[in-house]
Amino acid sequence: QVQLVESGGGLVQPGGTLRLSCATSGIIFEIYSMGWYRQAPGKQRELVATITIGKSTNYVPAVKGRFTISRDNAKNTVYLQMNSLKPEDTGVYYCQANRGRYEHWGQGTQVTVSS
């Protein structure tokens, strides 16, 4: 059974930091590209960052320079380090494992940036 479990969300003040984790099981982690997505209230889910099998990374302009995606193949886990958080970063953050036609999602973790 495939499981992706996100953790590390919470309430943080603007300018603060959070580190999200996504622990996976039931997949051969090292052959999957991984991504983080987010969904703000009333909006569609959007891509935040991706990391390939070879650890190449890609970020949307809104988070570039503030967020860092990384992966630990030994722990079957992908991370999202979020610095200089802004209120517009608020949303539910989801991790995704992707290998062509195979796609798996976690349940999400809430991130709220507010003073």
PDB file of N, CA and C in Angstrom:
ATOM      1  N   GLN A   1       0.848  -1.192   0.000  1.00  0.00           N
ATOM      2  CA  GLN A   1       0.000   0.000   0.000  1.00  0.00           C
ATOM      3  C   GLN A   1       0.885   1.244   0.000  1.00  0.00           C
ATOM      4  N   VAL A   2       0.614   2.145  -0.931  1.00  0.00           N
ATOM      5  CA  VAL A   2       1.401   3.365  -1.035  1.00  0.00           C
ATOM      6  C   VAL A   2       0.901   4.398  -0.022  1.00  0.00           C
ATOM      7  N   GLN A   3       1.842   4.974   0.707  1.00  0.00           N
ATOM      8  CA  GLN A   3       1.485   6.039   1.641  1.00  0.00           C
ATOM      9  C   GLN A   3       2.474   7.184   1.517  1.00  0.00           C
ATOM     10  N   LEU A   4       1.943   8.386   1.476  1.00  0.00           N
ATOM     11  CA  LEU A   4       2.742   9.607   1.570  1.00  0.00           C
ATOM     12  C   LEU A   4       2.159  10.397   2.736  1.00  0.00           C
ATOM     13  N   VAL A   5       2.984  10.674   3.725  1.00  0.00           N
ATOM     14  CA  VAL A   5       2.501  11.339   4.937  1.00  0.00           C
ATOM     15  C   VAL A   5       3.286  12.618   5.160  1.00  0.00           C
ATOM     16  N   GLU A   6       2.574  13.740   5.013  1.00  0.00           N
ATOM     17  CA  GLU A   6       3.200  15.046   5.235  1.00  0.00           C
ATOM     18  C   GLU A   6       3.149  15.428   6.713  1.00  0.00           C
ATOM     19  N   SER A   7       4.134  16.193   7.130  1.00  0.00           N
ATOM     20  CA  SER A   7       4.155  16.719   8.496  1.00  0.00           C
ATOM     21  C   SER A   7       4.962  18.004   8.508  1.00  0.00           C
ATOM     22  N   GLY A   8       4.850  18.740   9.616  1.00  0.00           N
ATOM     23  CA  GLY A   8       5.658  19.940   9.790  1.00  0.00           C
ATOM     24  C   GLY A   8       4.915  21.247   9.577  1.00  0.00           C
ATOM     25  N   GLY A   9       3.652  21.170   9.186  1.00  0.00           N
ATOM     26  CA  GLY A   9       2.883  22.390   9.008  1.00  0.00           C
ATOM     27  C   GLY A   9       2.527  23.025  10.337  1.00  0.00           C
ATOM     28  N   GLY A  10       1.939  24.215  10.267  1.00  0.00           N
ATOM     29  CA  GLY A  10       1.531  24.897  11.486  1.00  0.00           C
ATOM     30  C   GLY A  10       1.278  26.367  11.237  1.00  0.00           C
ATOM     31  N   LEU A  11       1.167  27.090  12.346  1.00  0.00           N
ATOM     32  CA  LEU A  11       0.953  28.530  12.306  1.00  0.00           C
ATOM     33  C   LEU A  11       2.277  29.233  12.546  1.00  0.00           C
ATOM     34  N   VAL A  12       2.612  30.174  11.688  1.00  0.00           N
ATOM     35  CA  VAL A  12       3.875  30.890  11.804  1.00  0.00           C
ATOM     36  C   VAL A  12       3.649  32.349  11.429  1.00  0.00           C
ATOM     37  N   GLN A  13       4.437  33.228  12.036  1.00  0.00           N
ATOM     38  CA  GLN A  13       4.328  34.647  11.726  1.00  0.00           C
ATOM     39  C   GLN A  13       5.017  34.971  10.398  1.00  0.00           C
ATOM     40  N   PRO A  14       4.602  36.036   9.752  1.00  0.00           N
ATOM     41  CA  PRO A  14       5.316  36.456   8.525  1.00  0.00           C
ATOM     42  C   PRO A  14       6.800  36.626   8.807  1.00  0.00           C
ATOM     43  N   GLY A  15       7.604  36.145   7.859  1.00  0.00           N
ATOM     44  CA  GLY A  15       9.051  36.161   8.031  1.00  0.00           C
ATOM     45  C   GLY A  15       9.602  34.923   8.697  1.00  0.00           C
ATOM     46  N   GLY A  16       8.728  34.064   9.192  1.00  0.00           N
ATOM     47  CA  GLY A  16       9.156  32.865   9.891  1.00  0.00           C
ATOM     48  C   GLY A  16       9.533  31.726   8.965  1.00  0.00           C
ATOM     49  N   THR A  17       9.877  30.598   9.578  1.00  0.00           N
ATOM     50  CA  THR A  17      10.303  29.434   8.815  1.00  0.00           C
ATOM     51  C   THR A  17       9.528  28.193   9.249  1.00  0.00           C
ATOM     52  N   LEU A  18       9.395  27.270   8.313  1.00  0.00           N
ATOM     53  CA  LEU A  18       8.850  25.940   8.578  1.00  0.00           C
ATOM     54  C   LEU A  18       9.598  24.954   7.701  1.00  0.00           C
ATOM     55  N   ARG A  19       9.663  23.722   8.161  1.00  0.00           N
ATOM     56  CA  ARG A  19      10.236  22.651   7.356  1.00  0.00           C
ATOM     57  C   ARG A  19       9.207  21.539   7.257  1.00  0.00           C
ATOM     58  N   LEU A  20       8.737  21.296   6.050  1.00  0.00           N
ATOM     59  CA  LEU A  20       7.790  20.223   5.814  1.00  0.00           C
ATOM     60  C   LEU A  20       8.532  18.943   5.452  1.00  0.00           C
ATOM     61  N   SER A  21       7.974  17.829   5.878  1.00  0.00           N
ATOM     62  CA  SER A  21       8.511  16.514   5.522  1.00  0.00           C
ATOM     63  C   SER A  21       7.408  15.685   4.891  1.00  0.00           C
ATOM     64  N   CYS A  22       7.792  14.807   4.002  1.00  0.00           N
ATOM     65  CA  CYS A  22       6.851  13.867   3.405  1.00  0.00           C
ATOM     66  C   CYS A  22       7.519  12.498   3.414  1.00  0.00           C
ATOM     67  N   ALA A  23       7.069  11.654   4.309  1.00  0.00           N
ATOM     68  CA  ALA A  23       7.609  10.300   4.426  1.00  0.00           C
ATOM     69  C   ALA A  23       6.792   9.362   3.552  1.00  0.00           C
ATOM     70  N   THR A  24       7.476   8.574   2.751  1.00  0.00           N
ATOM     71  CA  THR A  24       6.786   7.676   1.835  1.00  0.00           C
ATOM     72  C   THR A  24       7.026   6.221   2.184  1.00  0.00           C
ATOM     73  N   SER A  25       6.089   5.384   1.787  1.00  0.00           N
ATOM     74  CA  SER A  25       6.242   3.944   1.913  1.00  0.00           C
ATOM     75  C   SER A  25       5.430   3.292   0.803  1.00  0.00           C
ATOM     76  N   GLY A  26       5.820   2.066   0.459  1.00  0.00           N
ATOM     77  CA  GLY A  26       5.091   1.337  -0.577  1.00  0.00           C
ATOM     78  C   GLY A  26       5.504   1.675  -1.998  1.00  0.00           C
ATOM     79  N   ILE A  27       6.503   2.538  -2.163  1.00  0.00           N
ATOM     80  CA  ILE A  27       7.038   2.844  -3.495  1.00  0.00           C
ATOM     81  C   ILE A  27       8.556   2.725  -3.451  1.00  0.00           C
ATOM     82  N   ILE A  28       9.150   2.544  -4.618  1.00  0.00           N
ATOM     83  CA  ILE A  28      10.611   2.579  -4.717  1.00  0.00           C
ATOM     84  C   ILE A  28      10.970   4.055  -4.853  1.00  0.00           C
ATOM     85  N   PHE A  29      11.213   4.693  -3.731  1.00  0.00           N
ATOM     86  CA  PHE A  29      11.297   6.146  -3.657  1.00  0.00           C
ATOM     87  C   PHE A  29      12.295   6.716  -4.649  1.00  0.00           C
ATOM     88  N   GLU A  30      13.451   6.062  -4.774  1.00  0.00           N
ATOM     89  CA  GLU A  30      14.531   6.683  -5.558  1.00  0.00           C
ATOM     90  C   GLU A  30      14.255   6.742  -7.057  1.00  0.00           C
ATOM     91  N   ILE A  31      13.200   6.084  -7.536  1.00  0.00           N
ATOM     92  CA  ILE A  31      12.889   6.149  -8.970  1.00  0.00           C
ATOM     93  C   ILE A  31      11.734   7.087  -9.267  1.00  0.00           C
ATOM     94  N   TYR A  32      11.263   7.798  -8.234  1.00  0.00           N
ATOM     95  CA  TYR A  32      10.175   8.747  -8.395  1.00  0.00           C
ATOM     96  C   TYR A  32      10.689  10.183  -8.315  1.00  0.00           C
ATOM     97  N   SER A  33      10.227  11.037  -9.233  1.00  0.00           N
ATOM     98  CA  SER A  33      10.365  12.468  -9.031  1.00  0.00           C
ATOM     99  C   SER A  33       9.355  12.878  -7.964  1.00  0.00           C
ATOM    100  N   MET A  34       9.726  13.862  -7.173  1.00  0.00           N
ATOM    101  CA  MET A  34       8.867  14.297  -6.068  1.00  0.00           C
ATOM    102  C   MET A  34       8.534  15.775  -6.216  1.00  0.00           C
ATOM    103  N   GLY A  35       7.377  16.133  -5.726  1.00  0.00           N
ATOM    104  CA  GLY A  35       6.980  17.529  -5.808  1.00  0.00           C
ATOM    105  C   GLY A  35       6.176  17.959  -4.597  1.00  0.00           C
ATOM    106  N   TRP A  36       6.191  19.246  -4.377  1.00  0.00           N
ATOM    107  CA  TRP A  36       5.323  19.875  -3.376  1.00  0.00           C
ATOM    108  C   TRP A  36       4.344  20.793  -4.104  1.00  0.00           C
ATOM    109  N   TYR A  37       3.090  20.689  -3.703  1.00  0.00           N
ATOM    110  CA  TYR A  37       2.021  21.529  -4.240  1.00  0.00           C
ATOM    111  C   TYR A  37       1.327  22.203  -3.057  1.00  0.00           C
ATOM    112  N   ARG A  38       0.572  23.234  -3.337  1.00  0.00           N
ATOM    113  CA  ARG A  38      -0.212  23.864  -2.286  1.00  0.00           C
ATOM    114  C   ARG A  38      -1.560  24.318  -2.832  1.00  0.00           C
ATOM    115  N   GLN A  39      -2.508  24.416  -1.921  1.00  0.00           N
ATOM    116  CA  GLN A  39      -3.844  24.874  -2.290  1.00  0.00           C
ATOM    117  C   GLN A  39      -4.307  25.888  -1.260  1.00  0.00           C
ATOM    118  N   ALA A  40      -4.451  27.121  -1.718  1.00  0.00           N
ATOM    119  CA  ALA A  40      -4.950  28.177  -0.853  1.00  0.00           C
ATOM    120  C   ALA A  40      -6.475  28.117  -0.835  1.00  0.00           C
ATOM    121  N   PRO A  41      -7.093  28.674   0.206  1.00  0.00           N
ATOM    122  CA  PRO A  41      -8.564  28.655   0.286  1.00  0.00           C
ATOM    123  C   PRO A  41      -9.191  29.295  -0.952  1.00  0.00           C
ATOM    124  N   GLY A  42     -10.119  28.573  -1.566  1.00  0.00           N
ATOM    125  CA  GLY A  42     -10.824  29.097  -2.721  1.00  0.00           C
ATOM    126  C   GLY A  42     -10.045  29.094  -4.016  1.00  0.00           C
ATOM    127  N   LYS A  43      -8.864  28.487  -3.995  1.00  0.00           N
ATOM    128  CA  LYS A  43      -8.034  28.458  -5.206  1.00  0.00           C
ATOM    129  C   LYS A  43      -7.702  27.022  -5.600  1.00  0.00           C
ATOM    130  N   GLN A  44      -7.199  26.893  -6.820  1.00  0.00           N
ATOM    131  CA  GLN A  44      -6.801  25.570  -7.301  1.00  0.00           C
ATOM    132  C   GLN A  44      -5.445  25.181  -6.726  1.00  0.00           C
ATOM    133  N   ARG A  45      -5.216  23.899  -6.675  1.00  0.00           N
ATOM    134  CA  ARG A  45      -3.918  23.396  -6.248  1.00  0.00           C
ATOM    135  C   ARG A  45      -2.861  23.835  -7.263  1.00  0.00           C
ATOM    136  N   GLU A  46      -1.709  24.281  -6.759  1.00  0.00           N
ATOM    137  CA  GLU A  46      -0.656  24.759  -7.647  1.00  0.00           C
ATOM    138  C   GLU A  46       0.682  24.149  -7.256  1.00  0.00           C
ATOM    139  N   LEU A  47       1.526  24.033  -8.270  1.00  0.00           N
ATOM    140  CA  LEU A  47       2.867  23.512  -8.050  1.00  0.00           C
ATOM    141  C   LEU A  47       3.706  24.516  -7.264  1.00  0.00           C
ATOM    142  N   VAL A  48       4.531  23.999  -6.352  1.00  0.00           N
ATOM    143  CA  VAL A  48       5.463  24.846  -5.609  1.00  0.00           C
ATOM    144  C   VAL A  48       6.896  24.539  -6.023  1.00  0.00           C
ATOM    145  N   ALA A  49       7.265  23.255  -5.971  1.00  0.00           N
ATOM    146  CA  ALA A  49       8.640  22.876  -6.274  1.00  0.00           C
ATOM    147  C   ALA A  49       8.691  21.401  -6.630  1.00  0.00           C
ATOM    148  N   THR A  50       9.695  21.039  -7.420  1.00  0.00           N
ATOM    149  CA  THR A  50       9.904  19.647  -7.774  1.00  0.00           C
ATOM    150  C   THR A  50      11.375  19.286  -7.642  1.00  0.00           C
ATOM    151  N   ILE A  51      11.629  17.992  -7.455  1.00  0.00           N
ATOM    152  CA  ILE A  51      12.986  17.477  -7.420  1.00  0.00           C
ATOM    153  C   ILE A  51      12.999  16.154  -8.169  1.00  0.00           C
ATOM    154  N   THR A  52      13.949  16.023  -9.081  1.00  0.00           N
ATOM    155  CA  THR A  52      13.996  14.833  -9.919  1.00  0.00           C
ATOM    156  C   THR A  52      14.762  13.707  -9.236  1.00  0.00           C
ATOM    157  N   ILE A  53      14.816  12.584  -9.935  1.00  0.00           N
ATOM    158  CA  ILE A  53      15.587  11.434  -9.459  1.00  0.00           C
ATOM    159  C   ILE A  53      17.052  11.828  -9.277  1.00  0.00           C
ATOM    160  N   GLY A  54      17.543  12.657 -10.184  1.00  0.00           N
ATOM    161  CA  GLY A  54      18.925  13.100 -10.111  1.00  0.00           C
ATOM    162  C   GLY A  54      19.136  14.311  -9.234  1.00  0.00           C
ATOM    163  N   LYS A  55      18.087  14.713  -8.488  1.00  0.00           N
ATOM    164  CA  LYS A  55      18.123  15.819  -7.524  1.00  0.00           C
ATOM    165  C   LYS A  55      18.203  17.193  -8.177  1.00  0.00           C
ATOM    166  N   SER A  56      17.800  17.293  -9.443  1.00  0.00           N
ATOM    167  CA  SER A  56      17.624  18.617 -10.041  1.00  0.00           C
ATOM    168  C   SER A  56      16.337  19.216  -9.484  1.00  0.00           C
ATOM    169  N   THR A  57      16.367  20.504  -9.212  1.00  0.00           N
ATOM    170  CA  THR A  57      15.214  21.152  -8.580  1.00  0.00           C
ATOM    171  C   THR A  57      14.621  22.244  -9.466  1.00  0.00           C
ATOM    172  N   ASN A  58      13.351  22.514  -9.228  1.00  0.00           N
ATOM    173  CA  ASN A  58      12.657  23.560  -9.963  1.00  0.00           C
ATOM    174  C   ASN A  58      11.660  24.214  -9.016  1.00  0.00           C
ATOM    175  N   TYR A  59      11.536  25.533  -9.113  1.00  0.00           N
ATOM    176  CA  TYR A  59      10.647  26.276  -8.228  1.00  0.00           C
ATOM    177  C   TYR A  59       9.776  27.232  -9.027  1.00  0.00           C
ATOM    178  N   VAL A  60       8.581  27.486  -8.527  1.00  0.00           N
ATOM    179  CA  VAL A  60       7.787  28.537  -9.138  1.00  0.00           C
ATOM    180  C   VAL A  60       8.377  29.879  -8.713  1.00  0.00           C
ATOM    181  N   PRO A  61       8.211  30.923  -9.519  1.00  0.00           N
ATOM    182  CA  PRO A  61       8.820  32.226  -9.201  1.00  0.00           C
ATOM    183  C   PRO A  61       8.436  32.760  -7.822  1.00  0.00           C
ATOM    184  N   ALA A  62       7.234  32.480  -7.373  1.00  0.00           N
ATOM    185  CA  ALA A  62       6.754  33.049  -6.105  1.00  0.00           C
ATOM    186  C   ALA A  62       7.544  32.559  -4.894  1.00  0.00           C
ATOM    187  N   VAL A  63       8.209  31.414  -5.015  1.00  0.00           N
ATOM    188  CA  VAL A  63       8.924  30.863  -3.851  1.00  0.00           C
ATOM    189  C   VAL A  63      10.426  30.762  -4.084  1.00  0.00           C
ATOM    190  N   LYS A  64      10.882  31.048  -5.290  1.00  0.00           N
ATOM    191  CA  LYS A  64      12.294  30.915  -5.608  1.00  0.00           C
ATOM    192  C   LYS A  64      13.124  31.824  -4.713  1.00  0.00           C
ATOM    193  N   GLY A  65      14.183  31.256  -4.129  1.00  0.00           N
ATOM    194  CA  GLY A  65      15.036  32.028  -3.231  1.00  0.00           C
ATOM    195  C   GLY A  65      14.587  31.962  -1.784  1.00  0.00           C
ATOM    196  N   ARG A  66      13.378  31.486  -1.542  1.00  0.00           N
ATOM    197  CA  ARG A  66      12.868  31.372  -0.164  1.00  0.00           C
ATOM    198  C   ARG A  66      12.667  29.922   0.258  1.00  0.00           C
ATOM    199  N   PHE A  67      12.267  29.066  -0.683  1.00  0.00           N
ATOM    200  CA  PHE A  67      11.988  27.662  -0.397  1.00  0.00           C
ATOM    201  C   PHE A  67      13.085  26.789  -0.989  1.00  0.00           C
ATOM    202  N   THR A  68      13.349  25.662  -0.311  1.00  0.00           N
ATOM    203  CA  THR A  68      14.307  24.687  -0.809  1.00  0.00           C
ATOM    204  C   THR A  68      13.720  23.291  -0.686  1.00  0.00           C
ATOM    205  N   ILE A  69      13.662  22.585  -1.810  1.00  0.00           N
ATOM    206  CA  ILE A  69      13.201  21.197  -1.802  1.00  0.00           C
ATOM    207  C   ILE A  69      14.424  20.295  -1.791  1.00  0.00           C
ATOM    208  N   SER A  70      14.334  19.208  -1.037  1.00  0.00           N
ATOM    209  CA  SER A  70      15.435  18.246  -0.979  1.00  0.00           C
ATOM    210  C   SER A  70      14.860  16.857  -0.741  1.00  0.00           C
ATOM    211  N   ARG A  71      15.677  15.860  -0.965  1.00  0.00           N
ATOM    212  CA  ARG A  71      15.219  14.491  -0.753  1.00  0.00           C
ATOM    213  C   ARG A  71      16.326  13.669  -0.099  1.00  0.00           C
ATOM    214  N   ASP A  72      15.912  12.708   0.712  1.00  0.00           N
ATOM    215  CA  ASP A  72      16.829  11.771   1.356  1.00  0.00           C
ATOM    216  C   ASP A  72      16.363  10.384   0.954  1.00  0.00           C
ATOM    217  N   ASN A  73      17.050   9.799  -0.025  1.00  0.00           N
ATOM    218  CA  ASN A  73      16.628   8.498  -0.531  1.00  0.00           C
ATOM    219  C   ASN A  73      16.783   7.398   0.518  1.00  0.00           C
ATOM    220  N   ALA A  74      17.705   7.568   1.440  1.00  0.00           N
ATOM    221  CA  ALA A  74      17.893   6.561   2.492  1.00  0.00           C
ATOM    222  C   ALA A  74      16.702   6.536   3.448  1.00  0.00           C
ATOM    223  N   LYS A  75      16.029   7.685   3.572  1.00  0.00           N
ATOM    224  CA  LYS A  75      14.878   7.771   4.476  1.00  0.00           C
ATOM    225  C   LYS A  75      13.548   7.795   3.725  1.00  0.00           C
ATOM    226  N   ASN A  76      13.596   7.694   2.383  1.00  0.00           N
ATOM    227  CA  ASN A  76      12.365   7.721   1.576  1.00  0.00           C
ATOM    228  C   ASN A  76      11.525   8.961   1.868  1.00  0.00           C
ATOM    229  N   THR A  77      12.192  10.080   2.022  1.00  0.00           N
ATOM    230  CA  THR A  77      11.533  11.298   2.471  1.00  0.00           C
ATOM    231  C   THR A  77      11.945  12.486   1.618  1.00  0.00           C
ATOM    232  N   VAL A  78      10.985  13.347   1.368  1.00  0.00           N
ATOM    233  CA  VAL A  78      11.247  14.610   0.684  1.00  0.00           C
ATOM    234  C   VAL A  78      10.906  15.748   1.642  1.00  0.00           C
ATOM    235  N   TYR A  79      11.665  16.836   1.539  1.00  0.00           N
ATOM    236  CA  TYR A  79      11.512  17.964   2.452  1.00  0.00           C
ATOM    237  C   TYR A  79      11.234  19.245   1.674  1.00  0.00           C
ATOM    238  N   LEU A  80      10.625  20.192   2.380  1.00  0.00           N
ATOM    239  CA  LEU A  80      10.474  21.536   1.842  1.00  0.00           C
ATOM    240  C   LEU A  80      10.816  22.517   2.959  1.00  0.00           C
ATOM    241  N   GLN A  81      11.978  23.143   2.830  1.00  0.00           N
ATOM    242  CA  GLN A  81      12.390  24.171   3.779  1.00  0.00           C
ATOM    243  C   GLN A  81      11.814  25.491   3.303  1.00  0.00           C
ATOM    244  N   MET A  82      11.038  26.136   4.156  1.00  0.00           N
ATOM    245  CA  MET A  82      10.360  27.374   3.778  1.00  0.00           C
ATOM    246  C   MET A  82      10.835  28.498   4.687  1.00  0.00           C
ATOM    247  N   ASN A  83      11.503  29.469   4.087  1.00  0.00           N
ATOM    248  CA  ASN A  83      12.003  30.628   4.823  1.00  0.00           C
ATOM    249  C   ASN A  83      11.281  31.888   4.370  1.00  0.00           C
ATOM    250  N   SER A  84      11.387  32.927   5.179  1.00  0.00           N
ATOM    251  CA  SER A  84      10.788  34.235   4.837  1.00  0.00           C
ATOM    252  C   SER A  84       9.333  34.077   4.405  1.00  0.00           C
ATOM    253  N   LEU A  85       8.589  33.357   5.206  1.00  0.00           N
ATOM    254  CA  LEU A  85       7.202  33.058   4.835  1.00  0.00           C
ATOM    255  C   LEU A  85       6.348  34.312   4.787  1.00  0.00           C
ATOM    256  N   LYS A  86       5.403  34.276   3.860  1.00  0.00           N
ATOM    257  CA  LYS A  86       4.493  35.402   3.641  1.00  0.00           C
ATOM    258  C   LYS A  86       3.050  34.934   3.824  1.00  0.00           C
ATOM    259  N   PRO A  87       2.140  35.832   4.125  1.00  0.00           N
ATOM    260  CA  PRO A  87       0.730  35.420   4.272  1.00  0.00           C
ATOM    261  C   PRO A  87       0.205  34.691   3.034  1.00  0.00           C
ATOM    262  N   GLU A  88       0.685  35.059   1.876  1.00  0.00           N
ATOM    263  CA  GLU A  88       0.217  34.407   0.647  1.00  0.00           C
ATOM    264  C   GLU A  88       0.748  32.984   0.480  1.00  0.00           C
ATOM    265  N   ASP A  89       1.617  32.551   1.370  1.00  0.00           N
ATOM    266  CA  ASP A  89       2.065  31.152   1.356  1.00  0.00           C
ATOM    267  C   ASP A  89       1.089  30.243   2.099  1.00  0.00           C
ATOM    268  N   THR A  90       0.082  30.824   2.703  1.00  0.00           N
ATOM    269  CA  THR A  90      -0.911  30.049   3.446  1.00  0.00           C
ATOM    270  C   THR A  90      -1.643  29.077   2.537  1.00  0.00           C
ATOM    271  N   GLY A  91      -1.828  27.859   3.035  1.00  0.00           N
ATOM    272  CA  GLY A  91      -2.556  26.858   2.283  1.00  0.00           C
ATOM    273  C   GLY A  91      -2.280  25.466   2.801  1.00  0.00           C
ATOM    274  N   VAL A  92      -2.894  24.490   2.171  1.00  0.00           N
ATOM    275  CA  VAL A  92      -2.593  23.102   2.471  1.00  0.00           C
ATOM    276  C   VAL A  92      -1.506  22.648   1.499  1.00  0.00           C
ATOM    277  N   TYR A  93      -0.445  22.098   2.048  1.00  0.00           N
ATOM    278  CA  TYR A  93       0.696  21.652   1.248  1.00  0.00           C
ATOM    279  C   TYR A  93       0.648  20.137   1.085  1.00  0.00           C
ATOM    280  N   TYR A  94       0.771  19.716  -0.162  1.00  0.00           N
ATOM    281  CA  TYR A  94       0.701  18.299  -0.500  1.00  0.00           C
ATOM    282  C   TYR A  94       2.007  17.857  -1.154  1.00  0.00           C
ATOM    283  N   CYS A  95       2.430  16.646  -0.863  1.00  0.00           N
ATOM    284  CA  CYS A  95       3.546  16.103  -1.628  1.00  0.00           C
ATOM    285  C   CYS A  95       3.014  15.105  -2.647  1.00  0.00           C
ATOM    286  N   GLN A  96       3.760  14.992  -3.719  1.00  0.00           N
ATOM    287  CA  GLN A  96       3.400  14.111  -4.824  1.00  0.00           C
ATOM    288  C   GLN A  96       4.613  13.297  -5.243  1.00  0.00           C
ATOM    289  N   ALA A  97       4.364  12.022  -5.514  1.00  0.00           N
ATOM    290  CA  ALA A  97       5.382  11.149  -6.110  1.00  0.00           C
ATOM    291  C   ALA A  97       4.937  10.875  -7.539  1.00  0.00           C
ATOM    292  N   ASN A  98       5.838  11.077  -8.474  1.00  0.00           N
ATOM    293  CA  ASN A  98       5.461  10.987  -9.890  1.00  0.00           C
ATOM    294  C   ASN A  98       6.468  10.165 -10.668  1.00  0.00           C
ATOM    295  N   ARG A  99       5.914   9.198 -11.402  1.00  0.00           N
ATOM    296  CA  ARG A  99       6.749   8.441 -12.329  1.00  0.00           C
ATOM    297  C   ARG A  99       5.893   8.132 -13.551  1.00  0.00           C
ATOM    298  N   GLY A 100       5.869   9.088 -14.455  1.00  0.00           N
ATOM    299  CA  GLY A 100       5.088   8.914 -15.671  1.00  0.00           C
ATOM    300  C   GLY A 100       3.609   8.771 -15.341  1.00  0.00           C
ATOM    301  N   ARG A 101       3.027   7.629 -15.689  1.00  0.00           N
ATOM    302  CA  ARG A 101       1.588   7.437 -15.465  1.00  0.00           C
ATOM    303  C   ARG A 101       1.267   7.071 -14.010  1.00  0.00           C
ATOM    304  N   TYR A 102       2.306   6.881 -13.200  1.00  0.00           N
ATOM    305  CA  TYR A 102       2.095   6.565 -11.791  1.00  0.00           C
ATOM    306  C   TYR A 102       2.241   7.843 -10.978  1.00  0.00           C
ATOM    307  N   GLU A 103       1.207   8.137 -10.196  1.00  0.00           N
ATOM    308  CA  GLU A 103       1.171   9.387  -9.432  1.00  0.00           C
ATOM    309  C   GLU A 103       0.500   9.093  -8.094  1.00  0.00           C
ATOM    310  N   HIS A 104       1.158   9.557  -7.023  1.00  0.00           N
ATOM    311  CA  HIS A 104       0.628   9.324  -5.685  1.00  0.00           C
ATOM    312  C   HIS A 104       0.652  10.623  -4.908  1.00  0.00           C
ATOM    313  N   TRP A 105      -0.345  10.827  -4.065  1.00  0.00           N
ATOM    314  CA  TRP A 105      -0.469  12.064  -3.289  1.00  0.00           C
ATOM    315  C   TRP A 105      -0.598  11.767  -1.804  1.00  0.00           C
ATOM    316  N   GLY A 106      -0.130  12.724  -1.019  1.00  0.00           N
ATOM    317  CA  GLY A 106      -0.371  12.675   0.415  1.00  0.00           C
ATOM    318  C   GLY A 106      -1.670  13.383   0.753  1.00  0.00           C
ATOM    319  N   GLN A 107      -1.988  13.399   2.050  1.00  0.00           N
ATOM    320  CA  GLN A 107      -3.230  13.993   2.527  1.00  0.00           C
ATOM    321  C   GLN A 107      -3.106  15.495   2.781  1.00  0.00           C
ATOM    322  N   GLY A 108      -1.889  15.978   2.860  1.00  0.00           N
ATOM    323  CA  GLY A 108      -1.684  17.408   3.027  1.00  0.00           C
ATOM    324  C   GLY A 108      -1.415  17.817   4.463  1.00  0.00           C
ATOM    325  N   THR A 109      -0.743  18.953   4.607  1.00  0.00           N
ATOM    326  CA  THR A 109      -0.493  19.545   5.916  1.00  0.00           C
ATOM    327  C   THR A 109      -0.758  21.052   5.809  1.00  0.00           C
ATOM    328  N   GLN A 110      -1.430  21.589   6.805  1.00  0.00           N
ATOM    329  CA  GLN A 110      -1.848  23.000   6.756  1.00  0.00           C
ATOM    330  C   GLN A 110      -0.690  23.912   7.166  1.00  0.00           C
ATOM    331  N   VAL A 111      -0.481  24.945   6.370  1.00  0.00           N
ATOM    332  CA  VAL A 111       0.478  26.000   6.691  1.00  0.00           C
ATOM    333  C   VAL A 111      -0.295  27.312   6.733  1.00  0.00           C
ATOM    334  N   THR A 112      -0.193  27.992   7.860  1.00  0.00           N
ATOM    335  CA  THR A 112      -0.861  29.287   8.010  1.00  0.00           C
ATOM    336  C   THR A 112       0.167  30.328   8.409  1.00  0.00           C
ATOM    337  N   VAL A 113       0.266  31.377   7.607  1.00  0.00           N
ATOM    338  CA  VAL A 113       1.207  32.463   7.881  1.00  0.00           C
ATOM    339  C   VAL A 113       0.385  33.694   8.236  1.00  0.00           C
ATOM    340  N   SER A 114       0.465  34.057   9.497  1.00  0.00           N
ATOM    341  CA  SER A 114      -0.370  35.161   9.984  1.00  0.00           C
ATOM    342  C   SER A 114       0.223  35.739  11.253  1.00  0.00           C
ATOM    343  N   SER A 115       0.022  37.034  11.434  1.00  0.00           N
ATOM    344  CA  SER A 115       0.468  37.673  12.665  1.00  0.00           C
ATOM    345  C   SER A 115      -0.673  37.714  13.683  1.00  0.00           C
TER     346      SER A 115
END
